[in-house]
PDB file of N, CA and C in Angstrom:
ATOM      1  N   UNK A   1      14.148   0.708 -16.208  1.00  0.00           N
ATOM      2  CA  UNK A   1      14.273   2.447 -16.799  1.00  0.00           C
ATOM      3  C   UNK A   1      16.156   2.294 -16.143  1.00  0.00           C
ATOM      4  N   UNK A   2      17.018   3.088 -16.636  1.00  0.00           N
ATOM      5  CA  UNK A   2      18.302   3.477 -15.747  1.00  0.00           C
ATOM      6  C   UNK A   2      18.287   5.314 -15.957  1.00  0.00           C
ATOM      7  N   UNK A   3      18.674   4.987 -14.189  1.00  0.00           N
ATOM      8  CA  UNK A   3      19.102   6.510 -13.940  1.00  0.00           C
ATOM      9  C   UNK A   3      20.334   7.165 -13.136  1.00  0.00           C
ATOM     10  N   UNK A   4      20.411   7.912 -13.451  1.00  0.00           N
ATOM     11  CA  UNK A   4      22.059   8.389 -12.939  1.00  0.00           C
ATOM     12  C   UNK A   4      21.997   8.425 -11.647  1.00  0.00           C
ATOM     13  N   UNK A   5      21.202   8.975 -10.693  1.00  0.00           N
ATOM     14  CA  UNK A   5      20.567   9.225  -8.744  1.00  0.00           C
ATOM     15  C   UNK A   5      21.050   7.883  -8.400  1.00  0.00           C
ATOM     16  N   UNK A   6      21.905   7.838  -7.637  1.00  0.00           N
ATOM     17  CA  UNK A   6      22.814   7.120  -7.020  1.00  0.00           C
ATOM     18  C   UNK A   6      21.895   7.266  -6.018  1.00  0.00           C
ATOM     19  N   UNK A   7      21.343   7.544  -5.195  1.00  0.00           N
ATOM     20  CA  UNK A   7      19.988   7.025  -3.700  1.00  0.00           C
ATOM     21  C   UNK A   7      18.996   7.170  -3.668  1.00  0.00           C
ATOM     22  N   UNK A   8      19.406   5.437  -3.840  1.00  0.00           N
ATOM     23  CA  UNK A   8      18.414   4.757  -3.967  1.00  0.00           C
ATOM     24  C   UNK A   8      18.383   3.990  -2.976  1.00  0.00           C
ATOM     25  N   UNK A   9      16.880   4.041  -2.104  1.00  0.00           N
ATOM     26  CA  UNK A   9      16.309   3.108  -1.193  1.00  0.00           C
ATOM     27  C   UNK A   9      14.961   2.522  -1.791  1.00  0.00           C
ATOM     28  N   UNK A  10      14.954   1.239  -0.975  1.00  0.00           N
ATOM     29  CA  UNK A  10      14.390   0.243  -1.032  1.00  0.00           C
ATOM     30  C   UNK A  10      13.017   0.263  -0.512  1.00  0.00           C
ATOM     31  N   UNK A  11      11.812   0.656  -0.012  1.00  0.00           N
ATOM     32  CA  UNK A  11      11.181   1.184   0.709  1.00  0.00           C
ATOM     33  C   UNK A  11       9.146   0.459   0.835  1.00  0.00           C
ATOM     34  N   UNK A  12       8.607  -0.034   1.670  1.00  0.00           N
ATOM     35  CA  UNK A  12       7.666   0.574   1.499  1.00  0.00           C
ATOM     36  C   UNK A  12       5.837   0.872   1.983  1.00  0.00           C
ATOM     37  N   UNK A  13       5.292   1.320   1.191  1.00  0.00           N
ATOM     38  CA  UNK A  13       4.403   2.670   1.514  1.00  0.00           C
ATOM     39  C   UNK A  13       3.467   2.117   2.420  1.00  0.00           C
ATOM     40  N   UNK A  14       3.337   2.518   3.378  1.00  0.00           N
ATOM     41  CA  UNK A  14       2.721   2.185   4.715  1.00  0.00           C
ATOM     42  C   UNK A  14       1.466   3.608   5.038  1.00  0.00           C
ATOM     43  N   UNK A  15       1.316   4.425   4.267  1.00  0.00           N
ATOM     44  CA  UNK A  15       0.527   5.203   4.155  1.00  0.00           C
ATOM     45  C   UNK A  15       0.509   6.109   3.457  1.00  0.00           C
ATOM     46  N   UNK A  16      -1.389   6.112   3.095  1.00  0.00           N
ATOM     47  CA  UNK A  16      -0.989   7.587   1.988  1.00  0.00           C
ATOM     48  C   UNK A  16      -2.294   8.578   2.522  1.00  0.00           C
ATOM     49  N   UNK A  17      -1.500   9.914   2.475  1.00  0.00           N
ATOM     50  CA  UNK A  17      -3.229  11.017   2.674  1.00  0.00           C
ATOM     51  C   UNK A  17      -2.930  11.733   2.067  1.00  0.00           C
ATOM     52  N   UNK A  18      -4.149  11.854   0.528  1.00  0.00           N
ATOM     53  CA  UNK A  18      -5.123  12.658  -0.277  1.00  0.00           C
ATOM     54  C   UNK A  18      -5.019  13.949   0.679  1.00  0.00           C
ATOM     55  N   UNK A  19      -4.880  15.607  -0.365  1.00  0.00           N
ATOM     56  CA  UNK A  19      -5.331  16.209   0.451  1.00  0.00           C
ATOM     57  C   UNK A  19      -5.735  16.949  -1.388  1.00  0.00           C
ATOM     58  N   UNK A  20      -7.042  16.934  -1.758  1.00  0.00           N
ATOM     59  CA  UNK A  20      -6.783  17.824  -3.060  1.00  0.00           C
ATOM     60  C   UNK A  20      -6.183  17.076  -4.112  1.00  0.00           C
ATOM     61  N   UNK A  21      -5.554  17.846  -4.465  1.00  0.00           N
ATOM     62  CA  UNK A  21      -5.034  17.710  -5.923  1.00  0.00           C
ATOM     63  C   UNK A  21      -3.390  16.790  -5.615  1.00  0.00           C
ATOM     64  N   UNK A  22      -3.066  16.921  -4.566  1.00  0.00           N
ATOM     65  CA  UNK A  22      -1.333  16.374  -3.584  1.00  0.00           C
ATOM     66  C   UNK A  22      -2.218  15.393  -2.856  1.00  0.00           C
ATOM     67  N   UNK A  23      -0.842  14.859  -2.651  1.00  0.00           N
ATOM     68  CA  UNK A  23      -1.023  13.274  -2.372  1.00  0.00           C
ATOM     69  C   UNK A  23       0.991  13.343  -1.773  1.00  0.00           C
ATOM     70  N   UNK A  24      -0.096  12.515  -0.181  1.00  0.00           N
ATOM     71  CA  UNK A  24       1.697  12.531   0.486  1.00  0.00           C
ATOM     72  C   UNK A  24       1.990  11.435   1.079  1.00  0.00           C
ATOM     73  N   UNK A  25       2.619  10.259   0.403  1.00  0.00           N
ATOM     74  CA  UNK A  25       3.651   8.964   0.672  1.00  0.00           C
ATOM     75  C   UNK A  25       4.548   9.265   1.611  1.00  0.00           C
ATOM     76  N   UNK A  26       3.880   8.107   2.345  1.00  0.00           N
ATOM     77  CA  UNK A  26       5.083   7.785   3.913  1.00  0.00           C
ATOM     78  C   UNK A  26       5.538   6.480   2.980  1.00  0.00           C
ATOM     79  N   UNK A  27       6.816   5.911   3.452  1.00  0.00           N
ATOM     80  CA  UNK A  27       7.382   4.750   2.933  1.00  0.00           C
ATOM     81  C   UNK A  27       8.864   4.171   4.454  1.00  0.00           C
ATOM     82  N   UNK A  28       8.679   3.842   4.554  1.00  0.00           N
ATOM     83  CA  UNK A  28       9.164   2.890   6.165  1.00  0.00           C
ATOM     84  C   UNK A  28      10.791   2.096   4.746  1.00  0.00           C
ATOM     85  N   UNK A  29      12.379   2.896   5.535  1.00  0.00           N
ATOM     86  CA  UNK A  29      12.896   2.120   4.520  1.00  0.00           C
ATOM     87  C   UNK A  29      13.786   1.324   6.134  1.00  0.00           C
ATOM     88  N   UNK A  30      14.626   0.995   5.320  1.00  0.00           N
ATOM     89  CA  UNK A  30      15.715   0.314   5.970  1.00  0.00           C
ATOM     90  C   UNK A  30      16.408   1.064   7.207  1.00  0.00           C
ATOM     91  N   UNK A  31      16.996  -0.019   8.326  1.00  0.00           N
ATOM     92  CA  UNK A  31      16.481   0.910   9.789  1.00  0.00           C
ATOM     93  C   UNK A  31      15.524   0.976  10.375  1.00  0.00           C
ATOM     94  N   UNK A  32      14.326   1.083  10.151  1.00  0.00           N
ATOM     95  CA  UNK A  32      12.888   1.219  10.560  1.00  0.00           C
ATOM     96  C   UNK A  32      12.869   2.811  10.932  1.00  0.00           C
ATOM     97  N   UNK A  33      13.263   3.639   9.684  1.00  0.00           N
ATOM     98  CA  UNK A  33      13.137   4.956   9.477  1.00  0.00           C
ATOM     99  C   UNK A  33      12.688   4.899   8.451  1.00  0.00           C
ATOM    100  N   UNK A  34      11.538   6.375   8.709  1.00  0.00           N
ATOM    101  CA  UNK A  34       9.975   6.766   7.339  1.00  0.00           C
ATOM    102  C   UNK A  34      10.749   8.128   6.522  1.00  0.00           C
ATOM    103  N   UNK A  35      10.596   8.035   5.410  1.00  0.00           N
ATOM    104  CA  UNK A  35      10.223   8.967   4.591  1.00  0.00           C
ATOM    105  C   UNK A  35       8.794   9.114   3.666  1.00  0.00           C
ATOM    106  N   UNK A  36       8.984  10.784   3.327  1.00  0.00           N
ATOM    107  CA  UNK A  36       8.013  10.782   2.722  1.00  0.00           C
ATOM    108  C   UNK A  36       8.026  12.200   1.831  1.00  0.00           C
ATOM    109  N   UNK A  37       7.280  11.872   0.957  1.00  0.00           N
ATOM    110  CA  UNK A  37       6.914  12.043  -0.778  1.00  0.00           C
ATOM    111  C   UNK A  37       5.851  13.171  -0.768  1.00  0.00           C
ATOM    112  N   UNK A  38       5.822  14.444  -1.613  1.00  0.00           N
ATOM    113  CA  UNK A  38       4.614  14.709  -2.151  1.00  0.00           C
ATOM    114  C   UNK A  38       4.785  14.835  -3.642  1.00  0.00           C
ATOM    115  N   UNK A  39       3.368  14.786  -3.806  1.00  0.00           N
ATOM    116  CA  UNK A  39       3.349  14.484  -5.341  1.00  0.00           C
ATOM    117  C   UNK A  39       2.229  14.409  -5.162  1.00  0.00           C
ATOM    118  N   UNK A  40       1.663  14.423  -7.069  1.00  0.00           N
ATOM    119  CA  UNK A  40       0.211  14.634  -7.037  1.00  0.00           C
ATOM    120  C   UNK A  40      -0.633  13.865  -7.301  1.00  0.00           C
ATOM    121  N   UNK A  41      -1.294  13.941  -7.325  1.00  0.00           N
ATOM    122  CA  UNK A  41      -2.896  13.014  -6.958  1.00  0.00           C
ATOM    123  C   UNK A  41      -3.705  12.215  -8.390  1.00  0.00           C
ATOM    124  N   UNK A  42      -3.043  12.450  -9.913  1.00  0.00           N
ATOM    125  CA  UNK A  42      -2.628  12.545 -10.804  1.00  0.00           C
ATOM    126  C   UNK A  42      -1.604  11.121 -10.827  1.00  0.00           C
ATOM    127  N   UNK A  43      -0.429  11.639 -10.306  1.00  0.00           N
ATOM    128  CA  UNK A  43       1.191  10.816 -10.214  1.00  0.00           C
ATOM    129  C   UNK A  43       0.461  10.058  -9.605  1.00  0.00           C
ATOM    130  N   UNK A  44      -0.176   9.766  -8.645  1.00  0.00           N
ATOM    131  CA  UNK A  44       0.118   8.439  -7.993  1.00  0.00           C
ATOM    132  C   UNK A  44      -1.079   7.311  -8.677  1.00  0.00           C
ATOM    133  N   UNK A  45      -2.266   8.248  -8.818  1.00  0.00           N
ATOM    134  CA  UNK A  45      -3.042   7.503  -9.819  1.00  0.00           C
ATOM    135  C   UNK A  45      -2.456   6.961 -11.605  1.00  0.00           C
ATOM    136  N   UNK A  46      -1.493   7.200 -11.873  1.00  0.00           N
ATOM    137  CA  UNK A  46      -0.502   6.990 -12.938  1.00  0.00           C
ATOM    138  C   UNK A  46       0.452   5.500 -12.846  1.00  0.00           C
ATOM    139  N   UNK A  47       1.179   5.910 -10.968  1.00  0.00           N
ATOM    140  CA  UNK A  47       1.673   5.284 -10.683  1.00  0.00           C
ATOM    141  C   UNK A  47       1.208   3.839 -10.998  1.00  0.00           C
ATOM    142  N   UNK A  48       0.165   3.644  -9.980  1.00  0.00           N
ATOM    143  CA  UNK A  48      -0.805   2.596  -9.062  1.00  0.00           C
ATOM    144  C   UNK A  48      -0.178   2.411  -8.238  1.00  0.00           C
ATOM    145  N   UNK A  49       0.306   3.478  -7.152  1.00  0.00           N
ATOM    146  CA  UNK A  49       1.074   3.035  -5.430  1.00  0.00           C
ATOM    147  C   UNK A  49      -0.712   3.038  -5.469  1.00  0.00           C
ATOM    148  N   UNK A  50       0.462   1.913  -3.909  1.00  0.00           N
ATOM    149  CA  UNK A  50      -0.990   1.557  -2.851  1.00  0.00           C
ATOM    150  C   UNK A  50      -0.104   1.370  -1.365  1.00  0.00           C
ATOM    151  N   UNK A  51      -0.783   1.648  -0.329  1.00  0.00           N
ATOM    152  CA  UNK A  51      -0.351   0.779   0.172  1.00  0.00           C
ATOM    153  C   UNK A  51      -0.279  -0.547   0.913  1.00  0.00           C
ATOM    154  N   UNK A  52       1.191  -0.760   0.923  1.00  0.00           N
ATOM    155  CA  UNK A  52       1.122  -1.960   1.179  1.00  0.00           C
ATOM    156  C   UNK A  52       2.221  -2.118  -0.307  1.00  0.00           C
ATOM    157  N   UNK A  53       2.607  -1.668  -1.576  1.00  0.00           N
ATOM    158  CA  UNK A  53       3.443  -1.580  -1.641  1.00  0.00           C
ATOM    159  C   UNK A  53       4.448  -1.166  -1.690  1.00  0.00           C
ATOM    160  N   UNK A  54       5.912  -1.717  -2.674  1.00  0.00           N
ATOM    161  CA  UNK A  54       7.581  -1.964  -2.749  1.00  0.00           C
ATOM    162  C   UNK A  54       7.709  -0.767  -3.290  1.00  0.00           C
ATOM    163  N   UNK A  55       8.831  -0.132  -3.227  1.00  0.00           N
ATOM    164  CA  UNK A  55       8.686   1.574  -4.358  1.00  0.00           C
ATOM    165  C   UNK A  55      10.143   1.175  -3.769  1.00  0.00           C
ATOM    166  N   UNK A  56      10.683   1.980  -4.355  1.00  0.00           N
ATOM    167  CA  UNK A  56      12.339   2.939  -4.625  1.00  0.00           C
ATOM    168  C   UNK A  56      11.737   3.997  -4.369  1.00  0.00           C
ATOM    169  N   UNK A  57      12.545   5.133  -3.740  1.00  0.00           N
ATOM    170  CA  UNK A  57      12.984   6.033  -3.205  1.00  0.00           C
ATOM    171  C   UNK A  57      13.495   6.513  -3.993  1.00  0.00           C
ATOM    172  N   UNK A  58      13.829   7.482  -4.108  1.00  0.00           N
ATOM    173  CA  UNK A  58      14.765   8.244  -5.445  1.00  0.00           C
ATOM    174  C   UNK A  58      15.514   9.580  -4.820  1.00  0.00           C
ATOM    175  N   UNK A  59      16.462  10.043  -4.301  1.00  0.00           N
ATOM    176  CA  UNK A  59      16.507  11.299  -3.190  1.00  0.00           C
ATOM    177  C   UNK A  59      17.412  12.408  -4.250  1.00  0.00           C
ATOM    178  N   UNK A  60      16.916  12.811  -5.119  1.00  0.00           N
ATOM    179  CA  UNK A  60      18.572  14.163  -5.170  1.00  0.00           C
ATOM    180  C   UNK A  60      18.125  15.040  -4.402  1.00  0.00           C
ATOM    181  N   UNK A  61      19.209  15.373  -4.389  1.00  0.00           N
ATOM    182  CA  UNK A  61      20.390  16.656  -2.539  1.00  0.00           C
ATOM    183  C   UNK A  61      19.678  17.731  -2.919  1.00  0.00           C
ATOM    184  N   UNK A  62      19.431  18.429  -3.643  1.00  0.00           N
ATOM    185  CA  UNK A  62      17.932  19.485  -3.539  1.00  0.00           C
ATOM    186  C   UNK A  62      16.908  19.695  -3.815  1.00  0.00           C
ATOM    187  N   UNK A  63      16.247  18.497  -3.545  1.00  0.00           N
ATOM    188  CA  UNK A  63      15.313  18.218  -2.932  1.00  0.00           C
ATOM    189  C   UNK A  63      14.738  17.477  -1.127  1.00  0.00           C
ATOM    190  N   UNK A  64      16.263  17.921  -0.936  1.00  0.00           N
ATOM    191  CA  UNK A  64      15.887  17.132   0.617  1.00  0.00           C
ATOM    192  C   UNK A  64      15.842  19.018   1.858  1.00  0.00           C
ATOM    193  N   UNK A  65      14.925  18.274   1.947  1.00  0.00           N
ATOM    194  CA  UNK A  65      14.281  19.529   3.206  1.00  0.00           C
ATOM    195  C   UNK A  65      14.323  19.168   4.888  1.00  0.00           C
ATOM    196  N   UNK A  66      14.734  20.501   5.884  1.00  0.00           N
ATOM    197  CA  UNK A  66      14.638  19.475   7.630  1.00  0.00           C
ATOM    198  C   UNK A  66      14.082  19.927   7.323  1.00  0.00           C
ATOM    199  N   UNK A  67      13.369  19.852   8.447  1.00  0.00           N
ATOM    200  CA  UNK A  67      12.490  20.480   9.941  1.00  0.00           C
ATOM    201  C   UNK A  67      13.185  19.945  11.062  1.00  0.00           C
ATOM    202  N   UNK A  68      12.740  21.133  11.968  1.00  0.00           N
ATOM    203  CA  UNK A  68      12.784  20.618  13.372  1.00  0.00           C
ATOM    204  C   UNK A  68      11.957  19.863  13.542  1.00  0.00           C
ATOM    205  N   UNK A  69      12.090  18.437  14.729  1.00  0.00           N
ATOM    206  CA  UNK A  69      10.420  18.144  15.255  1.00  0.00           C
ATOM    207  C   UNK A  69      10.303  18.291  16.264  1.00  0.00           C
TER     208      UNK A  69
END
């Protein structure tokens, strides 16, 4: 599938946390960094994503939120 988003990173799903209808997936990306994505459990099931899978992280600037650690 061809998409117009340029911010794409390949990484490994290291942890998946399901909470009700939502899922939080942690992805290890290059330079030993981590990203997380929140989406529905239905989407997780439709995509067949599981821990250990290699995935592409697609980042749209409007969806990036910073939080103080």
